[in-house]
């Protein structure tokens, strides 16, 4: 497909080879859409005017706190050092309320099928209304041997994440081996639902076609959410499973990143960045992560590049109904 803005997309997929590393990931994403719009001869939209793009780039560059000579694209280090932190884990106060199992059962009609709204990467998700009146997606996590104190330390960390493009944790529950997390509910579903139909539902149809302006806003929001997790959250967070089904859509086309695995935000950086079990989703994996299991923030950036391709083309990352050689979206666009 010759009209795709291959150079800019490839610079995101090859994240350490970007010439202008002081450019924000958000700004680069806007240029991708601007290039594509020009090649497709589409009508102008205000959020991709050149002045607005330059304004966006003034919101703070996506840089690591390292010397410029040691950085690759978007300020990511070409090789991220991994160090072991010998200090014991200190649990900070949890900034959200605890919820009892009985309360959760009441909210979800005892976790009935009619309350079941989906299955995420790490457990089933139910719909419920919290005491505060807020709608919530209540995730019942799969069984785990993780110590309670370690889980609470991770809940504490996530409870303090405050960003408009990251899904907010509203409550939690620990009862013996049971673990629950309550997140804000996205009534508009995920980007995957909108582009390809509800995940896991045979014959599901895509939602209404997104306008060009909506697509740009969603991409920009996702980039801002990633910047927050990678560079502004303390400690920094690597998502590991960036994909369209983990990008939730709220009112006014606000996109929020969801569903990162708490168990992989370990206090020990070595354990967190080098895993024997490669997580994530086929079609979104950065090549070096899929081959070696070595993890870095750049792995998330690669996956974000795949989402941009989804937004531009409407295609799935992998489509086995297509002829060989065209099934992989990344390969097809090169």
C-alpha atoms as a PDB file:
ATOM      1  CA  UNK A   1       0.000   0.000   0.000  1.00  0.00           C
ATOM      2  CA  UNK A   2       2.173   2.812  -1.282  1.00  0.00           C
ATOM      3  CA  UNK A   3       0.211   5.641   0.315  1.00  0.00           C
ATOM      4  CA  UNK A   4       1.153   4.669   3.852  1.00  0.00           C
ATOM      5  CA  UNK A   5       3.565   7.114   5.573  1.00  0.00           C
ATOM      6  CA  UNK A   6       6.176   4.398   5.809  1.00  0.00           C
ATOM      7  CA  UNK A   7       9.149   6.523   6.867  1.00  0.00           C
ATOM      8  CA  UNK A   8       7.538   7.911  10.001  1.00  0.00           C
ATOM      9  CA  UNK A   9       5.887   4.630  10.952  1.00  0.00           C
ATOM     10  CA  UNK A  10       9.179   2.797  10.534  1.00  0.00           C
ATOM     11  CA  UNK A  11      10.907   5.367  12.733  1.00  0.00           C
ATOM     12  CA  UNK A  12       8.490   4.459  15.516  1.00  0.00           C
ATOM     13  CA  UNK A  13       8.831   0.723  14.914  1.00  0.00           C
ATOM     14  CA  UNK A  14      12.647   1.186  14.776  1.00  0.00           C
ATOM     15  CA  UNK A  15      12.522   3.405  17.871  1.00  0.00           C
ATOM     16  CA  UNK A  16      16.302   3.760  18.329  1.00  0.00           C
ATOM     17  CA  UNK A  17      16.869   5.111  14.827  1.00  0.00           C
ATOM     18  CA  UNK A  18      14.852   8.333  14.965  1.00  0.00           C
ATOM     19  CA  UNK A  19      16.860  11.385  13.929  1.00  0.00           C
ATOM     20  CA  UNK A  20      14.972  13.967  15.997  1.00  0.00           C
ATOM     21  CA  UNK A  21      15.078  12.348  19.420  1.00  0.00           C
ATOM     22  CA  UNK A  22      13.923  15.542  21.107  1.00  0.00           C
ATOM     23  CA  UNK A  23      10.520  15.151  19.464  1.00  0.00           C
ATOM     24  CA  UNK A  24       7.744  13.821  21.683  1.00  0.00           C
ATOM     25  CA  UNK A  25       6.110  10.537  20.809  1.00  0.00           C
ATOM     26  CA  UNK A  26       2.810  12.442  20.691  1.00  0.00           C
ATOM     27  CA  UNK A  27       4.103  14.949  18.150  1.00  0.00           C
ATOM     28  CA  UNK A  28       5.613  12.252  15.955  1.00  0.00           C
ATOM     29  CA  UNK A  29       2.248  10.478  15.975  1.00  0.00           C
ATOM     30  CA  UNK A  30       0.505  13.633  14.781  1.00  0.00           C
ATOM     31  CA  UNK A  31       2.961  13.938  11.902  1.00  0.00           C
ATOM     32  CA  UNK A  32       2.198  10.329  10.906  1.00  0.00           C
ATOM     33  CA  UNK A  33      -1.466  11.224  10.491  1.00  0.00           C
ATOM     34  CA  UNK A  34      -0.645  14.506   8.767  1.00  0.00           C
ATOM     35  CA  UNK A  35       1.540  12.681   6.227  1.00  0.00           C
ATOM     36  CA  UNK A  36      -1.104  10.052   5.617  1.00  0.00           C
ATOM     37  CA  UNK A  37      -3.799  12.688   5.232  1.00  0.00           C
ATOM     38  CA  UNK A  38      -1.758  14.511   2.617  1.00  0.00           C
ATOM     39  CA  UNK A  39      -1.173  11.349   0.615  1.00  0.00           C
ATOM     40  CA  UNK A  40      -4.841  10.374   0.820  1.00  0.00           C
ATOM     41  CA  UNK A  41      -6.016  13.861  -0.148  1.00  0.00           C
ATOM     42  CA  UNK A  42      -8.352  14.045   2.844  1.00  0.00           C
ATOM     43  CA  UNK A  43      -9.972  17.197   4.168  1.00  0.00           C
ATOM     44  CA  UNK A  44      -8.076  19.199   6.772  1.00  0.00           C
ATOM     45  CA  UNK A  45      -8.706  18.748  10.460  1.00  0.00           C
ATOM     46  CA  UNK A  46      -7.772  21.363  13.030  1.00  0.00           C
ATOM     47  CA  UNK A  47      -5.815  19.187  15.440  1.00  0.00           C
ATOM     48  CA  UNK A  48      -3.193  18.358  12.831  1.00  0.00           C
ATOM     49  CA  UNK A  49      -2.520  21.867  11.597  1.00  0.00           C
ATOM     50  CA  UNK A  50       1.210  22.613  11.669  1.00  0.00           C
ATOM     51  CA  UNK A  51       0.856  25.288  14.361  1.00  0.00           C
ATOM     52  CA  UNK A  52      -0.964  22.846  16.624  1.00  0.00           C
ATOM     53  CA  UNK A  53       1.688  20.208  16.073  1.00  0.00           C
ATOM     54  CA  UNK A  54       4.401  22.644  17.112  1.00  0.00           C
ATOM     55  CA  UNK A  55       2.340  23.633  20.157  1.00  0.00           C
ATOM     56  CA  UNK A  56       2.034  19.966  21.087  1.00  0.00           C
ATOM     57  CA  UNK A  57       5.774  19.502  20.862  1.00  0.00           C
ATOM     58  CA  UNK A  58       6.219  22.223  23.467  1.00  0.00           C
ATOM     59  CA  UNK A  59       4.464  20.171  26.129  1.00  0.00           C
ATOM     60  CA  UNK A  60       7.710  18.549  27.252  1.00  0.00           C
ATOM     61  CA  UNK A  61       9.965  16.196  25.347  1.00  0.00           C
ATOM     62  CA  UNK A  62       9.826  12.449  25.818  1.00  0.00           C
ATOM     63  CA  UNK A  63      13.354  12.160  27.174  1.00  0.00           C
ATOM     64  CA  UNK A  64      15.107   9.919  29.647  1.00  0.00           C
ATOM     65  CA  UNK A  65      17.143  11.445  32.458  1.00  0.00           C
ATOM     66  CA  UNK A  66      20.389  10.423  30.798  1.00  0.00           C
ATOM     67  CA  UNK A  67      23.041  12.176  28.720  1.00  0.00           C
ATOM     68  CA  UNK A  68      21.848  12.875  25.183  1.00  0.00           C
ATOM     69  CA  UNK A  69      24.716  10.855  23.742  1.00  0.00           C
ATOM     70  CA  UNK A  70      23.296   7.717  25.335  1.00  0.00           C
ATOM     71  CA  UNK A  71      19.783   8.055  23.969  1.00  0.00           C
ATOM     72  CA  UNK A  72      18.036   6.718  20.917  1.00  0.00           C
ATOM     73  CA  UNK A  73      14.664   7.676  19.451  1.00  0.00           C
ATOM     74  CA  UNK A  74      12.395   9.785  21.713  1.00  0.00           C
ATOM     75  CA  UNK A  75      15.166   9.921  24.298  1.00  0.00           C
ATOM     76  CA  UNK A  76      15.105   6.189  25.033  1.00  0.00           C
ATOM     77  CA  UNK A  77      18.496   4.781  25.924  1.00  0.00           C
ATOM     78  CA  UNK A  78      19.980   2.556  23.254  1.00  0.00           C
ATOM     79  CA  UNK A  79      20.820   0.051  25.991  1.00  0.00           C
ATOM     80  CA  UNK A  80      18.972   0.343  29.286  1.00  0.00           C
ATOM     81  CA  UNK A  81      21.078  -0.511  32.317  1.00  0.00           C
ATOM     82  CA  UNK A  82      19.566  -3.021  34.738  1.00  0.00           C
ATOM     83  CA  UNK A  83      20.507  -2.787  38.396  1.00  0.00           C
ATOM     84  CA  UNK A  84      19.363  -4.722  41.435  1.00  0.00           C
ATOM     85  CA  UNK A  85      17.904  -2.627  44.247  1.00  0.00           C
ATOM     86  CA  UNK A  86      19.023  -4.178  47.568  1.00  0.00           C
ATOM     87  CA  UNK A  87      16.655  -2.099  49.684  1.00  0.00           C
ATOM     88  CA  UNK A  88      13.567  -3.748  51.239  1.00  0.00           C
ATOM     89  CA  UNK A  89      10.179  -2.903  49.751  1.00  0.00           C
ATOM     90  CA  UNK A  90       8.367  -0.140  51.623  1.00  0.00           C
ATOM     91  CA  UNK A  91       4.590  -0.103  51.244  1.00  0.00           C
ATOM     92  CA  UNK A  92       3.337   3.443  50.832  1.00  0.00           C
ATOM     93  CA  UNK A  93      -0.222   4.252  51.952  1.00  0.00           C
ATOM     94  CA  UNK A  94      -2.802   2.938  49.490  1.00  0.00           C
ATOM     95  CA  UNK A  95      -4.648   5.919  48.021  1.00  0.00           C
ATOM     96  CA  UNK A  96      -7.917   4.088  47.268  1.00  0.00           C
ATOM     97  CA  UNK A  97     -10.508   2.372  49.496  1.00  0.00           C
ATOM     98  CA  UNK A  98     -10.584  -1.339  50.240  1.00  0.00           C
ATOM     99  CA  UNK A  99     -13.742  -3.188  49.194  1.00  0.00           C
ATOM    100  CA  UNK A 100     -15.035  -6.326  50.919  1.00  0.00           C
ATOM    101  CA  UNK A 101     -15.897  -9.526  49.067  1.00  0.00           C
ATOM    102  CA  UNK A 102     -19.509  -9.212  50.246  1.00  0.00           C
ATOM    103  CA  UNK A 103     -19.723  -5.728  48.722  1.00  0.00           C
ATOM    104  CA  UNK A 104     -18.301  -7.026  45.456  1.00  0.00           C
ATOM    105  CA  UNK A 105     -20.792  -9.900  45.395  1.00  0.00           C
ATOM    106  CA  UNK A 106     -23.639  -7.450  45.879  1.00  0.00           C
ATOM    107  CA  UNK A 107     -22.352  -5.163  43.105  1.00  0.00           C
ATOM    108  CA  UNK A 108     -21.970  -8.006  40.612  1.00  0.00           C
ATOM    109  CA  UNK A 109     -24.971 -10.185  41.549  1.00  0.00           C
ATOM    110  CA  UNK A 110     -22.566 -12.723  43.013  1.00  0.00           C
ATOM    111  CA  UNK A 111     -20.336 -12.522  39.938  1.00  0.00           C
ATOM    112  CA  UNK A 112     -23.148 -13.693  37.676  1.00  0.00           C
ATOM    113  CA  UNK A 113     -22.842 -14.170  33.932  1.00  0.00           C
ATOM    114  CA  UNK A 114     -25.086 -11.170  33.312  1.00  0.00           C
ATOM    115  CA  UNK A 115     -22.519  -8.982  35.098  1.00  0.00           C
ATOM    116  CA  UNK A 116     -19.595 -10.479  33.170  1.00  0.00           C
ATOM    117  CA  UNK A 117     -18.348  -7.961  30.611  1.00  0.00           C
ATOM    118  CA  UNK A 118     -15.143  -9.582  29.452  1.00  0.00           C
ATOM    119  CA  UNK A 119     -11.984 -11.495  30.166  1.00  0.00           C
ATOM    120  CA  UNK A 120      -8.743  -9.570  30.343  1.00  0.00           C
ATOM    121  CA  UNK A 121      -5.181 -10.818  30.251  1.00  0.00           C
ATOM    122  CA  UNK A 122      -5.164 -11.668  33.944  1.00  0.00           C
ATOM    123  CA  UNK A 123      -8.740 -12.486  34.949  1.00  0.00           C
ATOM    124  CA  UNK A 124     -12.473 -12.034  34.406  1.00  0.00           C
ATOM    125  CA  UNK A 125     -14.043  -8.581  34.448  1.00  0.00           C
ATOM    126  CA  UNK A 126     -17.489  -7.746  35.867  1.00  0.00           C
ATOM    127  CA  UNK A 127     -19.617  -4.608  35.831  1.00  0.00           C
ATOM    128  CA  UNK A 128     -20.658  -3.020  39.124  1.00  0.00           C
ATOM    129  CA  UNK A 129     -21.569   0.258  40.810  1.00  0.00           C
ATOM    130  CA  UNK A 130     -19.363   1.351  43.719  1.00  0.00           C
ATOM    131  CA  UNK A 131     -20.683   2.971  46.896  1.00  0.00           C
ATOM    132  CA  UNK A 132     -19.516   6.292  45.498  1.00  0.00           C
ATOM    133  CA  UNK A 133     -21.958   5.833  42.614  1.00  0.00           C
ATOM    134  CA  UNK A 134     -19.207   5.369  40.040  1.00  0.00           C
ATOM    135  CA  UNK A 135     -19.496   2.601  37.465  1.00  0.00           C
ATOM    136  CA  UNK A 136     -16.595   0.181  37.741  1.00  0.00           C
ATOM    137  CA  UNK A 137     -14.996  -2.680  35.863  1.00  0.00           C
ATOM    138  CA  UNK A 138     -14.248  -5.183  38.622  1.00  0.00           C
ATOM    139  CA  UNK A 139     -11.450  -7.563  37.757  1.00  0.00           C
ATOM    140  CA  UNK A 140     -11.289 -10.901  39.550  1.00  0.00           C
ATOM    141  CA  UNK A 141      -7.653 -11.872  39.157  1.00  0.00           C
ATOM    142  CA  UNK A 142      -6.586 -15.397  38.299  1.00  0.00           C
ATOM    143  CA  UNK A 143      -5.241 -17.495  41.166  1.00  0.00           C
ATOM    144  CA  UNK A 144      -1.728 -16.560  42.192  1.00  0.00           C
ATOM    145  CA  UNK A 145       0.815 -17.565  44.815  1.00  0.00           C
ATOM    146  CA  UNK A 146       1.996 -13.973  45.071  1.00  0.00           C
ATOM    147  CA  UNK A 147       2.485 -12.916  48.729  1.00  0.00           C
ATOM    148  CA  UNK A 148      -0.160 -10.524  50.029  1.00  0.00           C
ATOM    149  CA  UNK A 149       2.361  -7.857  51.050  1.00  0.00           C
ATOM    150  CA  UNK A 150       3.886  -7.824  47.578  1.00  0.00           C
ATOM    151  CA  UNK A 151       0.462  -7.475  45.964  1.00  0.00           C
ATOM    152  CA  UNK A 152      -0.461  -4.621  48.321  1.00  0.00           C
ATOM    153  CA  UNK A 153       2.809  -2.846  47.517  1.00  0.00           C
ATOM    154  CA  UNK A 154       1.901  -2.977  43.839  1.00  0.00           C
ATOM    155  CA  UNK A 155      -1.665  -1.805  44.509  1.00  0.00           C
ATOM    156  CA  UNK A 156      -0.213   1.099  46.475  1.00  0.00           C
ATOM    157  CA  UNK A 157       1.951   2.086  43.529  1.00  0.00           C
ATOM    158  CA  UNK A 158      -0.880   1.881  40.985  1.00  0.00           C
ATOM    159  CA  UNK A 159      -3.318   3.700  43.279  1.00  0.00           C
ATOM    160  CA  UNK A 160      -1.145   6.817  43.022  1.00  0.00           C
ATOM    161  CA  UNK A 161      -1.079   6.908  39.218  1.00  0.00           C
ATOM    162  CA  UNK A 162      -2.965  10.038  38.224  1.00  0.00           C
ATOM    163  CA  UNK A 163      -3.126  10.825  34.532  1.00  0.00           C
ATOM    164  CA  UNK A 164      -6.012  11.565  32.188  1.00  0.00           C
ATOM    165  CA  UNK A 165      -4.776   8.929  29.724  1.00  0.00           C
ATOM    166  CA  UNK A 166      -4.297   6.057  32.188  1.00  0.00           C
ATOM    167  CA  UNK A 167      -7.306   4.115  33.516  1.00  0.00           C
ATOM    168  CA  UNK A 168      -7.838   4.935  37.190  1.00  0.00           C
ATOM    169  CA  UNK A 169      -7.804   2.248  39.894  1.00  0.00           C
ATOM    170  CA  UNK A 170     -10.802   2.931  42.174  1.00  0.00           C
ATOM    171  CA  UNK A 171     -10.655   0.147  44.754  1.00  0.00           C
ATOM    172  CA  UNK A 172      -9.196  -3.237  45.674  1.00  0.00           C
ATOM    173  CA  UNK A 173      -9.914  -6.359  47.697  1.00  0.00           C
ATOM    174  CA  UNK A 174      -7.674  -9.000  49.258  1.00  0.00           C
ATOM    175  CA  UNK A 175      -9.391 -11.953  50.926  1.00  0.00           C
ATOM    176  CA  UNK A 176      -7.166 -14.960  51.446  1.00  0.00           C
ATOM    177  CA  UNK A 177      -6.068 -16.087  48.002  1.00  0.00           C
ATOM    178  CA  UNK A 178      -8.696 -13.910  46.283  1.00  0.00           C
ATOM    179  CA  UNK A 179      -7.589 -10.675  44.593  1.00  0.00           C
ATOM    180  CA  UNK A 180      -9.876  -8.042  43.060  1.00  0.00           C
ATOM    181  CA  UNK A 181      -9.243  -4.676  41.413  1.00  0.00           C
ATOM    182  CA  UNK A 182     -11.934  -2.112  40.551  1.00  0.00           C
ATOM    183  CA  UNK A 183     -11.148   0.237  37.653  1.00  0.00           C
ATOM    184  CA  UNK A 184     -13.131   3.070  36.128  1.00  0.00           C
ATOM    185  CA  UNK A 185     -15.567   1.717  33.554  1.00  0.00           C
ATOM    186  CA  UNK A 186     -15.186   2.572  29.867  1.00  0.00           C
ATOM    187  CA  UNK A 187     -18.716   2.675  28.454  1.00  0.00           C
ATOM    188  CA  UNK A 188     -17.395   3.000  24.885  1.00  0.00           C
ATOM    189  CA  UNK A 189     -15.334  -0.174  25.077  1.00  0.00           C
ATOM    190  CA  UNK A 190     -11.866  -0.592  23.630  1.00  0.00           C
ATOM    191  CA  UNK A 191     -10.253   0.593  20.426  1.00  0.00           C
ATOM    192  CA  UNK A 192     -10.226  -3.043  19.307  1.00  0.00           C
ATOM    193  CA  UNK A 193     -14.012  -3.228  19.756  1.00  0.00           C
ATOM    194  CA  UNK A 194     -14.463  -0.083  17.709  1.00  0.00           C
ATOM    195  CA  UNK A 195     -12.143  -1.083  14.859  1.00  0.00           C
ATOM    196  CA  UNK A 196     -12.654  -4.841  14.650  1.00  0.00           C
ATOM    197  CA  UNK A 197     -15.703  -5.819  16.749  1.00  0.00           C
ATOM    198  CA  UNK A 198     -15.930  -7.007  20.350  1.00  0.00           C
ATOM    199  CA  UNK A 199     -13.037  -9.289  21.161  1.00  0.00           C
ATOM    200  CA  UNK A 200     -13.930 -12.928  21.750  1.00  0.00           C
ATOM    201  CA  UNK A 201     -17.428 -12.607  20.275  1.00  0.00           C
ATOM    202  CA  UNK A 202     -17.858 -14.579  17.066  1.00  0.00           C
ATOM    203  CA  UNK A 203     -19.305 -12.484  14.260  1.00  0.00           C
ATOM    204  CA  UNK A 204     -19.020  -9.225  16.221  1.00  0.00           C
ATOM    205  CA  UNK A 205     -19.139  -6.189  13.968  1.00  0.00           C
ATOM    206  CA  UNK A 206     -16.955  -3.067  14.255  1.00  0.00           C
ATOM    207  CA  UNK A 207     -18.461   0.074  15.742  1.00  0.00           C
ATOM    208  CA  UNK A 208     -19.225   3.278  13.828  1.00  0.00           C
ATOM    209  CA  UNK A 209     -16.351   4.375  11.611  1.00  0.00           C
ATOM    210  CA  UNK A 210     -14.003   6.742  13.422  1.00  0.00           C
ATOM    211  CA  UNK A 211     -13.473  10.130  11.819  1.00  0.00           C
ATOM    212  CA  UNK A 212      -9.958  11.303  11.041  1.00  0.00           C
ATOM    213  CA  UNK A 213     -10.071  13.748  13.947  1.00  0.00           C
ATOM    214  CA  UNK A 214     -11.148  10.979  16.331  1.00  0.00           C
ATOM    215  CA  UNK A 215      -8.293   8.740  15.205  1.00  0.00           C
ATOM    216  CA  UNK A 216      -5.737  11.484  15.752  1.00  0.00           C
ATOM    217  CA  UNK A 217      -7.104  12.267  19.211  1.00  0.00           C
ATOM    218  CA  UNK A 218      -7.018   8.597  20.214  1.00  0.00           C
ATOM    219  CA  UNK A 219      -3.424   8.177  19.002  1.00  0.00           C
ATOM    220  CA  UNK A 220      -2.328  11.350  20.773  1.00  0.00           C
ATOM    221  CA  UNK A 221      -3.981  10.276  24.033  1.00  0.00           C
ATOM    222  CA  UNK A 222      -2.329   6.859  23.894  1.00  0.00           C
ATOM    223  CA  UNK A 223       1.074   8.480  23.349  1.00  0.00           C
ATOM    224  CA  UNK A 224       0.529  10.777  26.346  1.00  0.00           C
ATOM    225  CA  UNK A 225      -0.468   7.820  28.504  1.00  0.00           C
ATOM    226  CA  UNK A 226       2.700   5.955  27.533  1.00  0.00           C
ATOM    227  CA  UNK A 227       4.833   8.996  28.260  1.00  0.00           C
ATOM    228  CA  UNK A 228       3.304   9.199  31.725  1.00  0.00           C
ATOM    229  CA  UNK A 229       3.944   5.519  32.519  1.00  0.00           C
ATOM    230  CA  UNK A 230       7.493   5.524  31.156  1.00  0.00           C
ATOM    231  CA  UNK A 231       8.821   8.855  32.369  1.00  0.00           C
ATOM    232  CA  UNK A 232       6.513  10.573  34.862  1.00  0.00           C
ATOM    233  CA  UNK A 233       5.191   7.759  37.060  1.00  0.00           C
ATOM    234  CA  UNK A 234       7.330   6.851  40.077  1.00  0.00           C
ATOM    235  CA  UNK A 235       8.617   4.247  39.750  1.00  0.00           C
ATOM    236  CA  UNK A 236       8.541   4.169  35.950  1.00  0.00           C
ATOM    237  CA  UNK A 237       6.218   1.518  34.541  1.00  0.00           C
ATOM    238  CA  UNK A 238       6.629  -0.721  31.503  1.00  0.00           C
ATOM    239  CA  UNK A 239       3.233  -1.947  30.327  1.00  0.00           C
ATOM    240  CA  UNK A 240       4.336  -5.100  28.434  1.00  0.00           C
ATOM    241  CA  UNK A 241       1.019  -5.570  26.625  1.00  0.00           C
ATOM    242  CA  UNK A 242       0.176  -2.430  24.644  1.00  0.00           C
ATOM    243  CA  UNK A 243      -2.545  -3.328  22.126  1.00  0.00           C
ATOM    244  CA  UNK A 244      -5.834  -1.946  20.844  1.00  0.00           C
ATOM    245  CA  UNK A 245      -7.914  -4.006  23.302  1.00  0.00           C
ATOM    246  CA  UNK A 246      -5.978  -2.403  26.186  1.00  0.00           C
ATOM    247  CA  UNK A 247      -6.715   1.102  24.935  1.00  0.00           C
ATOM    248  CA  UNK A 248     -10.121   2.064  26.351  1.00  0.00           C
ATOM    249  CA  UNK A 249     -12.327   4.807  24.945  1.00  0.00           C
ATOM    250  CA  UNK A 250     -14.215   7.262  27.133  1.00  0.00           C
ATOM    251  CA  UNK A 251     -16.497  10.208  26.413  1.00  0.00           C
ATOM    252  CA  UNK A 252     -15.220  12.800  23.953  1.00  0.00           C
ATOM    253  CA  UNK A 253     -12.847  10.189  22.472  1.00  0.00           C
ATOM    254  CA  UNK A 254     -10.479  10.282  25.438  1.00  0.00           C
ATOM    255  CA  UNK A 255      -8.205   7.228  25.178  1.00  0.00           C
ATOM    256  CA  UNK A 256      -6.811   5.613  28.329  1.00  0.00           C
ATOM    257  CA  UNK A 257      -4.253   2.841  28.720  1.00  0.00           C
ATOM    258  CA  UNK A 258      -5.461  -0.131  30.763  1.00  0.00           C
ATOM    259  CA  UNK A 259      -4.620  -3.639  31.924  1.00  0.00           C
ATOM    260  CA  UNK A 260      -0.934  -3.636  32.786  1.00  0.00           C
ATOM    261  CA  UNK A 261       0.122  -6.608  34.879  1.00  0.00           C
ATOM    262  CA  UNK A 262       0.849  -5.599  38.487  1.00  0.00           C
ATOM    263  CA  UNK A 263       2.978  -8.681  39.032  1.00  0.00           C
ATOM    264  CA  UNK A 264       5.539  -7.436  36.533  1.00  0.00           C
ATOM    265  CA  UNK A 265       6.099  -4.107  38.269  1.00  0.00           C
ATOM    266  CA  UNK A 266       8.438  -5.859  40.690  1.00  0.00           C
ATOM    267  CA  UNK A 267      10.626  -3.857  43.111  1.00  0.00           C
ATOM    268  CA  UNK A 268      13.608  -5.797  41.759  1.00  0.00           C
ATOM    269  CA  UNK A 269      14.458  -4.203  38.412  1.00  0.00           C
ATOM    270  CA  UNK A 270      16.326  -7.289  37.247  1.00  0.00           C
ATOM    271  CA  UNK A 271      13.312  -9.516  37.804  1.00  0.00           C
ATOM    272  CA  UNK A 272      11.061  -6.969  36.138  1.00  0.00           C
ATOM    273  CA  UNK A 273      13.089  -6.381  32.984  1.00  0.00           C
ATOM    274  CA  UNK A 274      14.220  -9.951  32.339  1.00  0.00           C
ATOM    275  CA  UNK A 275      11.477 -12.545  32.366  1.00  0.00           C
ATOM    276  CA  UNK A 276      11.566 -16.208  31.351  1.00  0.00           C
ATOM    277  CA  UNK A 277       7.908 -15.897  30.321  1.00  0.00           C
ATOM    278  CA  UNK A 278       7.336 -13.582  27.373  1.00  0.00           C
ATOM    279  CA  UNK A 279       4.061 -11.767  27.904  1.00  0.00           C
ATOM    280  CA  UNK A 280       2.131  -9.518  25.578  1.00  0.00           C
ATOM    281  CA  UNK A 281       0.210 -10.352  22.426  1.00  0.00           C
ATOM    282  CA  UNK A 282       1.389 -11.820  19.132  1.00  0.00           C
ATOM    283  CA  UNK A 283       1.421  -9.158  16.436  1.00  0.00           C
ATOM    284  CA  UNK A 284       2.411  -6.406  18.879  1.00  0.00           C
ATOM    285  CA  UNK A 285       5.677  -7.871  20.199  1.00  0.00           C
ATOM    286  CA  UNK A 286       8.883  -5.966  19.564  1.00  0.00           C
ATOM    287  CA  UNK A 287      11.225  -8.411  17.770  1.00  0.00           C
ATOM    288  CA  UNK A 288      13.941  -8.468  20.446  1.00  0.00           C
ATOM    289  CA  UNK A 289      11.368  -9.006  23.210  1.00  0.00           C
ATOM    290  CA  UNK A 290       9.720 -11.912  21.403  1.00  0.00           C
ATOM    291  CA  UNK A 291      13.100 -13.555  20.755  1.00  0.00           C
ATOM    292  CA  UNK A 292      14.898 -13.002  24.061  1.00  0.00           C
ATOM    293  CA  UNK A 293      12.353 -11.914  26.662  1.00  0.00           C
ATOM    294  CA  UNK A 294      14.498  -8.861  27.384  1.00  0.00           C
ATOM    295  CA  UNK A 295      12.187  -6.002  28.231  1.00  0.00           C
ATOM    296  CA  UNK A 296      12.489  -2.230  27.996  1.00  0.00           C
ATOM    297  CA  UNK A 297      10.238   0.766  27.556  1.00  0.00           C
ATOM    298  CA  UNK A 298      11.086   0.601  23.850  1.00  0.00           C
ATOM    299  CA  UNK A 299       9.057  -2.613  23.643  1.00  0.00           C
ATOM    300  CA  UNK A 300       5.945  -0.583  24.476  1.00  0.00           C
ATOM    301  CA  UNK A 301       6.852   2.017  21.847  1.00  0.00           C
ATOM    302  CA  UNK A 302       7.032  -0.665  19.155  1.00  0.00           C
ATOM    303  CA  UNK A 303       3.587  -1.943  20.178  1.00  0.00           C
ATOM    304  CA  UNK A 304       2.276   1.617  20.030  1.00  0.00           C
ATOM    305  CA  UNK A 305       3.536   1.825  16.442  1.00  0.00           C
ATOM    306  CA  UNK A 306       1.402  -1.214  15.604  1.00  0.00           C
ATOM    307  CA  UNK A 307      -1.640   0.552  17.091  1.00  0.00           C
ATOM    308  CA  UNK A 308      -0.934   3.530  14.831  1.00  0.00           C
ATOM    309  CA  UNK A 309      -1.011   1.179  11.850  1.00  0.00           C
ATOM    310  CA  UNK A 310      -4.350  -0.204  13.053  1.00  0.00           C
ATOM    311  CA  UNK A 311      -5.772   3.303  13.281  1.00  0.00           C
ATOM    312  CA  UNK A 312      -4.480   4.223   9.827  1.00  0.00           C
ATOM    313  CA  UNK A 313      -5.606   1.083   8.009  1.00  0.00           C
ATOM    314  CA  UNK A 314      -8.430  -0.436  10.062  1.00  0.00           C
ATOM    315  CA  UNK A 315      -6.639  -3.783   9.811  1.00  0.00           C
ATOM    316  CA  UNK A 316      -5.836  -6.228  12.605  1.00  0.00           C
ATOM    317  CA  UNK A 317      -2.162  -6.753  13.538  1.00  0.00           C
ATOM    318  CA  UNK A 318      -2.466 -10.356  12.374  1.00  0.00           C
ATOM    319  CA  UNK A 319      -5.242 -11.552  10.058  1.00  0.00           C
ATOM    320  CA  UNK A 320      -5.074 -15.244   9.169  1.00  0.00           C
ATOM    321  CA  UNK A 321      -7.906 -14.897   6.644  1.00  0.00           C
ATOM    322  CA  UNK A 322      -5.570 -13.048   4.269  1.00  0.00           C
ATOM    323  CA  UNK A 323      -3.066 -14.616   1.844  1.00  0.00           C
ATOM    324  CA  UNK A 324       0.377 -15.507   3.145  1.00  0.00           C
ATOM    325  CA  UNK A 325       2.677 -12.508   3.036  1.00  0.00           C
ATOM    326  CA  UNK A 326      -0.188 -10.150   3.884  1.00  0.00           C
ATOM    327  CA  UNK A 327      -1.275 -11.563   7.244  1.00  0.00           C
ATOM    328  CA  UNK A 328       1.128  -9.493   9.364  1.00  0.00           C
ATOM    329  CA  UNK A 329       0.176  -5.816   9.358  1.00  0.00           C
ATOM    330  CA  UNK A 330       3.751  -4.668  10.053  1.00  0.00           C
ATOM    331  CA  UNK A 331       5.173  -6.793   7.227  1.00  0.00           C
ATOM    332  CA  UNK A 332       2.416  -5.748   4.822  1.00  0.00           C
ATOM    333  CA  UNK A 333       3.101  -2.037   5.283  1.00  0.00           C
ATOM    334  CA  UNK A 334       6.859  -2.245   4.692  1.00  0.00           C
END
